[in-house]
Amino acid sequence: MTIRVLICDELPVVRDGLAGTLARDPDITVVAATGDGAEALDLTRHHAPHVLITDIGLARRSGLEVAAEVTGPAWPAPRPEVLVFSARTDDAIVMKALEAGAYGYLVKDAPSEELIRAVRALAAGEAATSGPVTRRLIGWLYWRNAQPVAAAQQGLRTLTPREREILLLVAAGLTDADIAAKLTLQEATVRSHVYHLREKLGLRDRAQLVAFAYQSGFTVPTVPDAWSPPGRAPDRSERPR
């Protein structure tokens, strides 16, 4: 059975490049392409793709909003599997994409063969991530087992208002330079605050800070209500054989 794919990216050159790459596989057909998130929802209803490839930034509706809606319980079966294809690899965006229901995340410098493998894997109900994203996931899983949220929450009460503010910005995906500019601080001062955050919370690195911020409920992802968490049972109806 042919794997139907919908491509969503604001740049026509990227859409064309993805379509050209996927055309190399005779079992994959690109049914439509768009740079508009609202149109992506209409095209998903019309074409019922097995895999929806999307960047984060789209017109009208973001890629995360599209992912959350088409994988959510309100979306009629068969639901597509979502592959986020983005240049961004910061922890907060990766986590938000996965929490929005994406089972795949590739960075835009991924080889063509990796893209084709990812589409095939998702169509078969499996997950697919680029190397850097896989390493982050392993780190998060390790931390969840080795460092319970409750233990880090003890340190949450010791944070100063400034440290809480910076933790929110770290969880939102801002770099130290971004935070310094936003709060009118020296970048070295921000790095010092981030260091003290890790020390007080007993966390190893920035990825664990982001994971803690979401897992503890300190902050929540900015995606619509109609999303299904990563632990959802995958929809296996009308899978390509």
Protein backbone atom coordinates (compact mmCIF):
# COMPACT_ATOMS: atom_id res chain seq x y z
CA MET A 1 0.00 0.00 0.00
CA THR A 2 1.26 3.47 -0.88
CA ILE A 3 2.24 5.78 1.99
CA ARG A 4 0.41 9.09 1.62
CA VAL A 5 2.36 12.15 2.82
CA LEU A 6 1.33 15.76 3.39
CA ILE A 7 4.14 18.35 3.49
CA CYS A 8 3.80 21.59 5.48
CA ASP A 9 6.52 24.24 5.30
CA GLU A 10 6.36 27.99 4.68
CA LEU A 11 9.19 27.91 2.12
CA PRO A 12 8.30 26.62 -1.37
CA VAL A 13 11.92 25.55 -1.94
CA VAL A 14 11.76 23.30 1.14
CA ARG A 15 8.41 21.83 0.11
CA ASP A 16 9.77 21.09 -3.36
CA GLY A 17 12.95 19.59 -1.93
CA LEU A 18 11.06 17.29 0.41
CA ALA A 19 8.72 16.21 -2.38
CA GLY A 20 11.68 15.48 -4.65
CA THR A 21 13.41 13.42 -1.98
CA LEU A 22 10.31 11.37 -1.17
CA ALA A 23 9.64 10.79 -4.88
CA ARG A 24 12.72 8.55 -4.92
CA ASP A 25 10.75 5.93 -3.00
CA PRO A 26 8.08 4.31 -5.20
CA ASP A 27 6.01 3.43 -2.12
CA ILE A 28 5.63 7.07 -1.03
CA THR A 29 3.27 9.60 -2.61
CA VAL A 30 3.08 13.27 -1.67
CA VAL A 31 -0.64 14.03 -1.81
CA ALA A 32 -0.37 17.77 -1.13
CA ALA A 33 1.91 20.52 0.18
CA THR A 34 1.21 23.84 1.90
CA GLY A 35 2.80 26.57 3.98
CA ASP A 36 -0.43 27.40 5.80
CA GLY A 37 -1.38 25.64 9.03
CA ALA A 38 -5.12 26.17 8.63
CA GLU A 39 -4.97 24.80 5.10
CA ALA A 40 -2.94 21.85 6.40
CA LEU A 41 -5.90 20.84 8.55
CA ASP A 42 -8.25 21.02 5.55
CA LEU A 43 -5.82 19.00 3.42
CA THR A 44 -5.49 16.40 6.16
CA ARG A 45 -9.27 15.98 6.26
CA HIS A 46 -9.42 15.68 2.48
CA HIS A 47 -6.43 13.41 1.79
CA ALA A 48 -6.15 11.41 5.06
CA PRO A 49 -2.34 11.19 4.84
CA HIS A 50 -0.52 8.47 6.74
CA VAL A 51 2.29 10.90 7.61
CA LEU A 52 2.17 14.68 8.01
CA ILE A 53 5.56 16.41 7.76
CA THR A 54 5.60 19.91 9.25
CA ASP A 55 7.95 22.67 10.28
CA ILE A 56 7.21 24.65 13.46
CA GLY A 57 6.47 27.96 11.77
CA LEU A 58 3.48 28.04 9.41
CA ALA A 59 1.02 30.76 8.40
CA ARG A 60 -2.16 31.15 10.52
CA ARG A 61 -1.68 27.94 12.56
CA SER A 62 1.71 26.74 13.82
CA GLY A 63 3.07 23.28 13.13
CA LEU A 64 2.64 22.45 16.83
CA GLU A 65 -1.02 23.47 16.71
CA VAL A 66 -1.55 21.34 13.61
CA ALA A 67 0.17 18.36 15.26
CA ALA A 68 -1.88 18.71 18.43
CA GLU A 69 -5.15 18.85 16.51
CA VAL A 70 -4.63 16.00 14.05
CA THR A 71 -3.34 13.61 16.74
CA GLY A 72 -5.92 14.62 19.34
CA PRO A 73 -8.95 12.57 20.38
CA ALA A 74 -11.37 14.92 18.61
CA TRP A 75 -9.80 14.23 15.20
CA PRO A 76 -11.60 11.43 13.34
CA ALA A 77 -9.70 8.25 12.52
CA PRO A 78 -7.53 7.51 10.72
CA ARG A 79 -5.19 10.06 12.30
CA PRO A 80 -1.85 10.81 10.65
CA GLU A 81 1.49 10.35 12.34
CA VAL A 82 3.35 13.66 12.60
CA LEU A 83 6.98 14.18 11.67
CA VAL A 84 8.33 17.58 12.71
CA PHE A 85 11.03 18.69 10.26
CA SER A 86 12.75 21.74 11.70
CA ALA A 87 16.08 23.52 11.96
CA ARG A 88 15.45 23.99 15.68
CA THR A 89 16.88 21.53 18.17
CA ASP A 90 16.45 23.47 21.43
CA ASP A 91 15.08 21.39 24.27
CA ALA A 92 11.82 23.29 24.78
CA ILE A 93 10.74 23.03 21.13
CA VAL A 94 11.57 19.33 20.91
CA MET A 95 9.59 18.63 24.08
CA LYS A 96 6.63 20.72 22.91
CA ALA A 97 6.59 18.87 19.59
CA LEU A 98 6.51 15.49 21.30
CA GLU A 99 3.88 16.65 23.78
CA ALA A 100 1.80 17.91 20.85
CA GLY A 101 1.63 14.35 19.54
CA ALA A 102 4.55 14.12 17.10
CA TYR A 103 6.18 10.69 17.00
CA GLY A 104 8.99 11.91 14.76
CA TYR A 105 11.43 14.83 14.85
CA LEU A 106 14.14 15.38 12.25
CA VAL A 107 16.50 18.32 11.91
CA LYS A 108 16.69 19.91 8.48
CA ASP A 109 20.26 18.82 7.84
CA ALA A 110 19.23 15.16 8.02
CA PRO A 111 20.32 13.07 5.01
CA SER A 112 17.70 12.24 2.39
CA GLU A 113 17.82 8.56 3.29
CA GLU A 114 17.04 9.39 6.92
CA LEU A 115 13.93 11.31 5.87
CA ILE A 116 12.66 8.37 3.82
CA ARG A 117 13.37 5.94 6.68
CA ALA A 118 11.54 8.23 9.10
CA VAL A 119 8.44 8.40 6.90
CA ARG A 120 8.40 4.62 6.53
CA ALA A 121 8.89 4.13 10.28
CA LEU A 122 6.07 6.50 11.20
CA ALA A 123 3.73 4.94 8.65
CA ALA A 124 4.42 1.59 10.32
CA GLY A 125 3.52 3.02 13.72
CA GLU A 126 7.08 3.46 14.97
CA ALA A 127 8.96 6.55 16.17
CA ALA A 128 11.75 8.37 14.33
CA THR A 129 14.17 11.03 15.57
CA SER A 130 17.47 12.56 14.51
CA GLY A 131 20.60 11.74 16.48
CA PRO A 132 20.69 14.98 18.53
CA VAL A 133 17.01 14.60 19.42
CA THR A 134 17.49 10.94 20.36
CA ARG A 135 20.27 11.91 22.77
CA ARG A 136 17.96 14.44 24.43
CA LEU A 137 15.22 11.85 24.81
CA ILE A 138 17.63 9.40 26.38
CA GLY A 139 18.73 12.12 28.80
CA TRP A 140 15.14 12.91 29.74
CA LEU A 141 14.27 9.24 30.27
CA TYR A 142 17.39 8.71 32.37
CA TRP A 143 16.55 11.73 34.47
CA ARG A 144 12.95 10.63 35.01
CA ASN A 145 14.20 7.34 36.44
CA ALA A 146 17.21 8.63 38.36
CA GLN A 147 15.94 12.00 39.57
CA PRO A 148 12.26 12.00 40.59
CA VAL A 149 10.40 15.25 40.08
CA ALA A 150 9.48 15.32 43.77
CA ALA A 151 13.15 15.57 44.77
CA ALA A 152 13.79 18.54 42.49
CA GLN A 153 10.58 20.19 43.67
CA GLN A 154 12.09 20.50 47.14
CA GLY A 155 14.59 22.93 45.65
CA LEU A 156 11.89 24.82 43.75
CA ARG A 157 10.82 26.53 46.97
CA THR A 158 14.32 27.94 47.42
CA LEU A 159 14.40 29.76 44.07
CA THR A 160 14.44 33.54 44.02
CA PRO A 161 11.89 35.43 41.87
CA ARG A 162 14.65 36.13 39.33
CA GLU A 163 15.63 32.45 39.18
CA ARG A 164 12.00 31.47 38.64
CA GLU A 165 11.76 34.00 35.84
CA ILE A 166 14.88 32.62 34.19
CA LEU A 167 13.67 29.02 34.57
CA LEU A 168 10.50 29.94 32.67
CA LEU A 169 12.56 31.48 29.88
CA VAL A 170 14.91 28.49 29.71
CA ALA A 171 11.88 26.21 29.44
CA ALA A 172 10.54 28.42 26.63
CA GLY A 173 13.68 27.66 24.61
CA LEU A 174 15.56 30.95 25.01
CA THR A 175 19.35 30.90 24.97
CA ASP A 176 21.45 32.69 27.60
CA ALA A 177 21.97 35.54 25.13
CA ASP A 178 18.21 35.76 24.46
CA ILE A 179 17.45 35.86 28.18
CA ALA A 180 20.11 38.51 28.80
CA ALA A 181 18.61 40.73 26.10
CA LYS A 182 15.06 40.21 27.34
CA LEU A 183 15.87 40.96 30.99
CA THR A 184 18.56 43.58 30.30
CA LEU A 185 21.24 41.54 32.05
CA GLN A 186 24.80 40.58 31.24
CA GLU A 187 25.04 37.16 29.60
CA ALA A 188 27.52 36.10 32.31
CA THR A 189 24.89 36.97 34.93
CA VAL A 190 22.34 34.76 33.19
CA ARG A 191 24.84 31.88 33.02
CA SER A 192 25.40 32.30 36.75
CA HIS A 193 21.66 32.14 37.43
CA VAL A 194 21.32 29.01 35.28
CA TYR A 195 24.20 27.42 37.19
CA HIS A 196 22.53 28.18 40.53
CA LEU A 197 19.24 26.79 39.20
CA ARG A 198 20.92 23.47 38.42
CA GLU A 199 22.62 23.43 41.81
CA LYS A 200 19.45 24.18 43.79
CA LEU A 201 17.33 21.68 41.85
CA GLY A 202 20.00 18.99 41.70
CA LEU A 203 19.87 18.82 37.90
CA ARG A 204 22.73 17.98 35.58
CA ASP A 205 22.22 20.23 32.56
CA ARG A 206 19.91 22.55 30.63
CA ALA A 207 17.91 19.66 29.15
CA GLN A 208 17.03 18.48 32.66
CA LEU A 209 15.97 22.02 33.61
CA VAL A 210 13.55 22.04 30.68
CA ALA A 211 12.28 18.55 31.48
CA PHE A 212 11.76 19.47 35.13
CA ALA A 213 9.90 22.69 34.26
CA TYR A 214 7.31 20.74 32.26
CA GLN A 215 7.12 17.51 34.24
CA SER A 216 6.69 19.34 37.55
CA GLY A 217 3.94 21.59 36.21
CA PHE A 218 6.07 24.72 36.76
CA THR A 219 5.18 25.65 33.18
CA VAL A 220 3.00 24.09 30.50
CA PRO A 221 3.40 23.80 26.71
CA THR A 222 1.59 26.43 24.65
CA VAL A 223 -0.45 24.07 22.48
CA PRO A 224 -4.24 23.73 22.19
CA ASP A 225 -6.29 21.63 24.60
CA ALA A 226 -7.10 19.01 21.97
CA TRP A 227 -3.84 17.09 22.10
CA SER A 228 -2.99 13.54 22.97
CA PRO A 229 0.10 12.89 25.11
CA PRO A 230 3.05 10.84 23.86
CA GLY A 231 1.75 7.83 25.77
CA ARG A 232 -1.37 7.62 23.62
CA ALA A 233 -2.14 4.37 21.87
CA PRO A 234 -1.13 4.87 18.22
CA ASP A 235 -3.92 4.73 15.68
CA ARG A 236 -3.26 1.63 13.60
CA SER A 237 -6.29 1.92 11.31
CA GLU A 238 -5.55 2.06 7.59
CA ARG A 239 -1.80 1.61 8.02
CA PRO A 240 0.04 0.93 4.75
CA ARG A 241 0.93 -2.72 4.42
